Amino acid sequence: MASMTATLPTRPDRRPVLGDFLAFRRDQLQFWLDTGRLGPAVQANFGGQHFVVVTDPELTEHILLTHVKDYPRDRRLMVHNRGGGPELMFNTDRWEEWKWRRRLLTPAFHRKVIDGLAPIMARHADRMATEMLAAGSIDL
């Protein structure tokens, strides 16, 4: 992986030691938009933690669907995703267990389920925007 990340583009506003952390904290949405414009895969660094950010849909499909077994799951993410303990953790380094857990989650992401959620999300976003406008100010 180290040789792969050495050839990937990096953000031009990277700082010593903190890497991309300051740009991320300044404006998270703008950080991801700008990072995505640099290339289909970009090296990000948050205070010594190196990540590869993939923004290209075909590359994402390649990694997460067609060649998933070729890309190891990062143990750091497994620790962060634990929540209530190992039994609730989606990420696991055991391939068969990961595949089983992924199959359990797949129906929740079916197009019909997502399509059914869109009106609910739009209704809540509209309500929230109305409340924010009524308050007269928006804290960012």
C-alpha atoms as a PDB file:
ATOM      1  CA  MET A   1       0.000   0.000   0.000  1.00  0.00           C
ATOM      2  CA  ALA A   2       2.844   2.430   0.752  1.00  0.00           C
ATOM      3  CA  SER A   3       4.126   2.242  -2.815  1.00  0.00           C
ATOM      4  CA  MET A   4       0.612   2.860  -4.146  1.00  0.00           C
ATOM      5  CA  THR A   5       0.038   5.977  -2.007  1.00  0.00           C
ATOM      6  CA  ALA A   6       3.395   7.458  -3.047  1.00  0.00           C
ATOM      7  CA  THR A   7       2.078   7.904  -6.603  1.00  0.00           C
ATOM      8  CA  LEU A   8      -1.312   9.376  -5.645  1.00  0.00           C
ATOM      9  CA  PRO A   9      -1.989  13.106  -5.702  1.00  0.00           C
ATOM     10  CA  THR A  10      -2.089  15.000  -2.408  1.00  0.00           C
ATOM     11  CA  ARG A  11      -3.792  18.235  -1.463  1.00  0.00           C
ATOM     12  CA  PRO A  12      -1.700  21.382  -2.119  1.00  0.00           C
ATOM     13  CA  ASP A  13      -2.603  22.919   1.277  1.00  0.00           C
ATOM     14  CA  ARG A  14      -1.145  20.046   3.339  1.00  0.00           C
ATOM     15  CA  ARG A  15       0.734  21.174   6.474  1.00  0.00           C
ATOM     16  CA  PRO A  16       3.680  19.563   8.269  1.00  0.00           C
ATOM     17  CA  VAL A  17       2.674  17.210  11.089  1.00  0.00           C
ATOM     18  CA  LEU A  18      -1.083  17.906  10.842  1.00  0.00           C
ATOM     19  CA  GLY A  19      -1.278  17.037   7.152  1.00  0.00           C
ATOM     20  CA  ASP A  20      -4.777  17.713   5.803  1.00  0.00           C
ATOM     21  CA  PHE A  21      -6.426  18.084   9.213  1.00  0.00           C
ATOM     22  CA  LEU A  22      -6.598  21.909   9.251  1.00  0.00           C
ATOM     23  CA  ALA A  23      -8.200  22.092   5.801  1.00  0.00           C
ATOM     24  CA  PHE A  24     -10.687  19.421   6.866  1.00  0.00           C
ATOM     25  CA  ARG A  25     -11.594  21.265  10.088  1.00  0.00           C
ATOM     26  CA  ARG A  26     -11.936  24.599   8.291  1.00  0.00           C
ATOM     27  CA  ASP A  27     -14.708  23.406   5.950  1.00  0.00           C
ATOM     28  CA  GLN A  28     -15.447  19.678   5.786  1.00  0.00           C
ATOM     29  CA  LEU A  29     -17.737  19.785   2.762  1.00  0.00           C
ATOM     30  CA  GLN A  30     -15.322  21.940   0.776  1.00  0.00           C
ATOM     31  CA  PHE A  31     -12.463  19.648   1.817  1.00  0.00           C
ATOM     32  CA  TRP A  32     -14.168  16.592   0.284  1.00  0.00           C
ATOM     33  CA  LEU A  33     -15.252  18.507  -2.837  1.00  0.00           C
ATOM     34  CA  ASP A  34     -11.722  19.815  -3.441  1.00  0.00           C
ATOM     35  CA  THR A  35     -10.147  16.427  -2.697  1.00  0.00           C
ATOM     36  CA  GLY A  36     -12.464  14.723  -5.183  1.00  0.00           C
ATOM     37  CA  ARG A  37     -11.362  17.125  -7.936  1.00  0.00           C
ATOM     38  CA  LEU A  38      -7.699  16.095  -7.556  1.00  0.00           C
ATOM     39  CA  GLY A  39      -8.196  12.623  -8.996  1.00  0.00           C
ATOM     40  CA  PRO A  40     -10.046   9.300  -8.717  1.00  0.00           C
ATOM     41  CA  ALA A  41      -7.908   8.366  -5.689  1.00  0.00           C
ATOM     42  CA  VAL A  42      -6.124  10.853  -3.434  1.00  0.00           C
ATOM     43  CA  GLN A  43      -3.808  10.382  -0.479  1.00  0.00           C
ATOM     44  CA  ALA A  44      -5.073  12.097   2.676  1.00  0.00           C
ATOM     45  CA  ASN A  45      -3.135  12.525   5.899  1.00  0.00           C
ATOM     46  CA  PHE A  46      -4.711  13.397   9.233  1.00  0.00           C
ATOM     47  CA  GLY A  47      -1.890  13.887  11.706  1.00  0.00           C
ATOM     48  CA  GLY A  48       0.121  10.843  10.704  1.00  0.00           C
ATOM     49  CA  GLN A  49      -2.852   8.652   9.789  1.00  0.00           C
ATOM     50  CA  HIS A  50      -2.666   8.009   6.045  1.00  0.00           C
ATOM     51  CA  PHE A  51      -5.775   7.193   4.027  1.00  0.00           C
ATOM     52  CA  VAL A  52      -6.610   6.752   0.376  1.00  0.00           C
ATOM     53  CA  VAL A  53      -9.776   8.626  -0.559  1.00  0.00           C
ATOM     54  CA  VAL A  54     -11.530   7.096  -3.568  1.00  0.00           C
ATOM     55  CA  THR A  55     -13.957   9.371  -5.429  1.00  0.00           C
ATOM     56  CA  ASP A  56     -14.402   7.601  -8.756  1.00  0.00           C
ATOM     57  CA  PRO A  57     -17.546   5.404  -8.989  1.00  0.00           C
ATOM     58  CA  GLU A  58     -15.890   2.744 -11.179  1.00  0.00           C
ATOM     59  CA  LEU A  59     -12.876   2.503  -8.873  1.00  0.00           C
ATOM     60  CA  THR A  60     -15.188   2.318  -5.854  1.00  0.00           C
ATOM     61  CA  GLU A  61     -17.087  -0.552  -7.498  1.00  0.00           C
ATOM     62  CA  HIS A  62     -13.786  -2.264  -8.304  1.00  0.00           C
ATOM     63  CA  ILE A  63     -12.671  -2.064  -4.659  1.00  0.00           C
ATOM     64  CA  LEU A  64     -15.969  -2.721  -2.867  1.00  0.00           C
ATOM     65  CA  LEU A  65     -17.646  -5.214  -5.208  1.00  0.00           C
ATOM     66  CA  THR A  66     -15.647  -6.863  -7.946  1.00  0.00           C
ATOM     67  CA  HIS A  67     -12.253  -7.201  -6.205  1.00  0.00           C
ATOM     68  CA  VAL A  68     -13.197  -6.798  -2.544  1.00  0.00           C
ATOM     69  CA  LYS A  69     -11.080  -9.740  -1.426  1.00  0.00           C
ATOM     70  CA  ASP A  70      -7.941  -8.066  -2.838  1.00  0.00           C
ATOM     71  CA  TYR A  71      -8.241  -5.030  -0.534  1.00  0.00           C
ATOM     72  CA  PRO A  72      -7.641  -5.709   3.160  1.00  0.00           C
ATOM     73  CA  ARG A  73      -9.846  -3.974   5.673  1.00  0.00           C
ATOM     74  CA  ASP A  74      -7.884  -1.603   7.886  1.00  0.00           C
ATOM     75  CA  ARG A  75      -7.683  -2.610  11.559  1.00  0.00           C
ATOM     76  CA  ARG A  76      -7.774   1.076  12.622  1.00  0.00           C
ATOM     77  CA  LEU A  77     -11.246   1.396  11.113  1.00  0.00           C
ATOM     78  CA  MET A  78     -12.352  -1.815  12.800  1.00  0.00           C
ATOM     79  CA  VAL A  79     -11.479  -0.362  16.201  1.00  0.00           C
ATOM     80  CA  HIS A  80     -13.301   2.928  15.435  1.00  0.00           C
ATOM     81  CA  ASN A  81     -16.427   1.152  14.157  1.00  0.00           C
ATOM     82  CA  ARG A  82     -16.972  -1.057  17.184  1.00  0.00           C
ATOM     83  CA  GLY A  83     -19.709   0.973  18.839  1.00  0.00           C
ATOM     84  CA  GLY A  84     -20.991  -1.424  21.495  1.00  0.00           C
ATOM     85  CA  GLY A  85     -18.369  -4.116  21.032  1.00  0.00           C
ATOM     86  CA  PRO A  86     -16.963  -6.604  18.551  1.00  0.00           C
ATOM     87  CA  GLU A  87     -20.334  -8.270  17.981  1.00  0.00           C
ATOM     88  CA  LEU A  88     -21.697  -5.008  16.498  1.00  0.00           C
ATOM     89  CA  MET A  89     -18.672  -4.360  14.321  1.00  0.00           C
ATOM     90  CA  PHE A  90     -19.182  -4.562  10.556  1.00  0.00           C
ATOM     91  CA  ASN A  91     -15.510  -4.564   9.633  1.00  0.00           C
ATOM     92  CA  THR A  92     -13.680  -7.776  10.358  1.00  0.00           C
ATOM     93  CA  ASP A  93     -10.470  -9.196   8.976  1.00  0.00           C
ATOM     94  CA  ARG A  94     -12.031 -12.640   8.539  1.00  0.00           C
ATOM     95  CA  TRP A  95     -13.238 -12.799   4.938  1.00  0.00           C
ATOM     96  CA  GLU A  96     -16.128 -15.270   5.402  1.00  0.00           C
ATOM     97  CA  GLU A  97     -17.494 -13.393   8.402  1.00  0.00           C
ATOM     98  CA  TRP A  98     -17.259 -10.077   6.553  1.00  0.00           C
ATOM     99  CA  LYS A  99     -19.107 -11.555   3.562  1.00  0.00           C
ATOM    100  CA  TRP A 100     -21.847 -12.935   5.826  1.00  0.00           C
ATOM    101  CA  ARG A 101     -22.301  -9.568   7.547  1.00  0.00           C
ATOM    102  CA  ARG A 102     -22.368  -7.736   4.227  1.00  0.00           C
ATOM    103  CA  ARG A 103     -25.115 -10.053   2.958  1.00  0.00           C
ATOM    104  CA  LEU A 104     -27.165  -9.283   6.073  1.00  0.00           C
ATOM    105  CA  LEU A 105     -26.985  -5.546   5.330  1.00  0.00           C
ATOM    106  CA  THR A 106     -27.561  -5.695   1.574  1.00  0.00           C
ATOM    107  CA  PRO A 107     -31.409  -5.653   1.652  1.00  0.00           C
ATOM    108  CA  ALA A 108     -31.400  -2.369   3.582  1.00  0.00           C
ATOM    109  CA  PHE A 109     -29.666  -0.698   0.633  1.00  0.00           C
ATOM    110  CA  HIS A 110     -31.973  -2.004  -2.108  1.00  0.00           C
ATOM    111  CA  ARG A 111     -33.090   0.675  -4.552  1.00  0.00           C
ATOM    112  CA  LYS A 112     -36.745   0.393  -3.469  1.00  0.00           C
ATOM    113  CA  VAL A 113     -35.803   0.940   0.177  1.00  0.00           C
ATOM    114  CA  ILE A 114     -33.659   3.967  -0.662  1.00  0.00           C
ATOM    115  CA  ASP A 115     -36.374   5.359  -2.959  1.00  0.00           C
ATOM    116  CA  GLY A 116     -38.838   5.050  -0.075  1.00  0.00           C
ATOM    117  CA  LEU A 117     -36.543   7.048   2.197  1.00  0.00           C
ATOM    118  CA  ALA A 118     -36.160   9.997  -0.198  1.00  0.00           C
ATOM    119  CA  PRO A 119     -39.541  11.646   0.571  1.00  0.00           C
ATOM    120  CA  ILE A 120     -38.927  11.256   4.303  1.00  0.00           C
ATOM    121  CA  MET A 121     -35.483  12.870   4.051  1.00  0.00           C
ATOM    122  CA  ALA A 122     -36.868  15.695   1.879  1.00  0.00           C
ATOM    123  CA  ARG A 123     -39.675  16.346   4.385  1.00  0.00           C
ATOM    124  CA  HIS A 124     -37.221  16.522   7.296  1.00  0.00           C
ATOM    125  CA  ALA A 125     -34.798  18.742   5.350  1.00  0.00           C
ATOM    126  CA  ASP A 126     -37.646  21.111   4.463  1.00  0.00           C
ATOM    127  CA  ARG A 127     -38.817  21.244   8.093  1.00  0.00           C
ATOM    128  CA  MET A 128     -35.283  21.906   9.304  1.00  0.00           C
ATOM    129  CA  ALA A 129     -34.714  24.664   6.717  1.00  0.00           C
ATOM    130  CA  THR A 130     -38.014  26.302   7.707  1.00  0.00           C
ATOM    131  CA  GLU A 131     -37.038  26.234  11.398  1.00  0.00           C
ATOM    132  CA  MET A 132     -33.613  27.675  10.642  1.00  0.00           C
ATOM    133  CA  LEU A 133     -35.066  30.500   8.550  1.00  0.00           C
ATOM    134  CA  ALA A 134     -37.650  31.249  11.246  1.00  0.00           C
ATOM    135  CA  ALA A 135     -34.866  31.510  13.832  1.00  0.00           C
ATOM    136  CA  GLY A 136     -33.278  34.288  11.744  1.00  0.00           C
ATOM    137  CA  SER A 137     -29.744  32.928  11.903  1.00  0.00           C
ATOM    138  CA  ILE A 138     -27.854  29.802  11.103  1.00  0.00           C
ATOM    139  CA  ASP A 139     -24.915  28.700  13.235  1.00  0.00           C
ATOM    140  CA  LEU A 140     -22.273  26.819  11.279  1.00  0.00           C
END
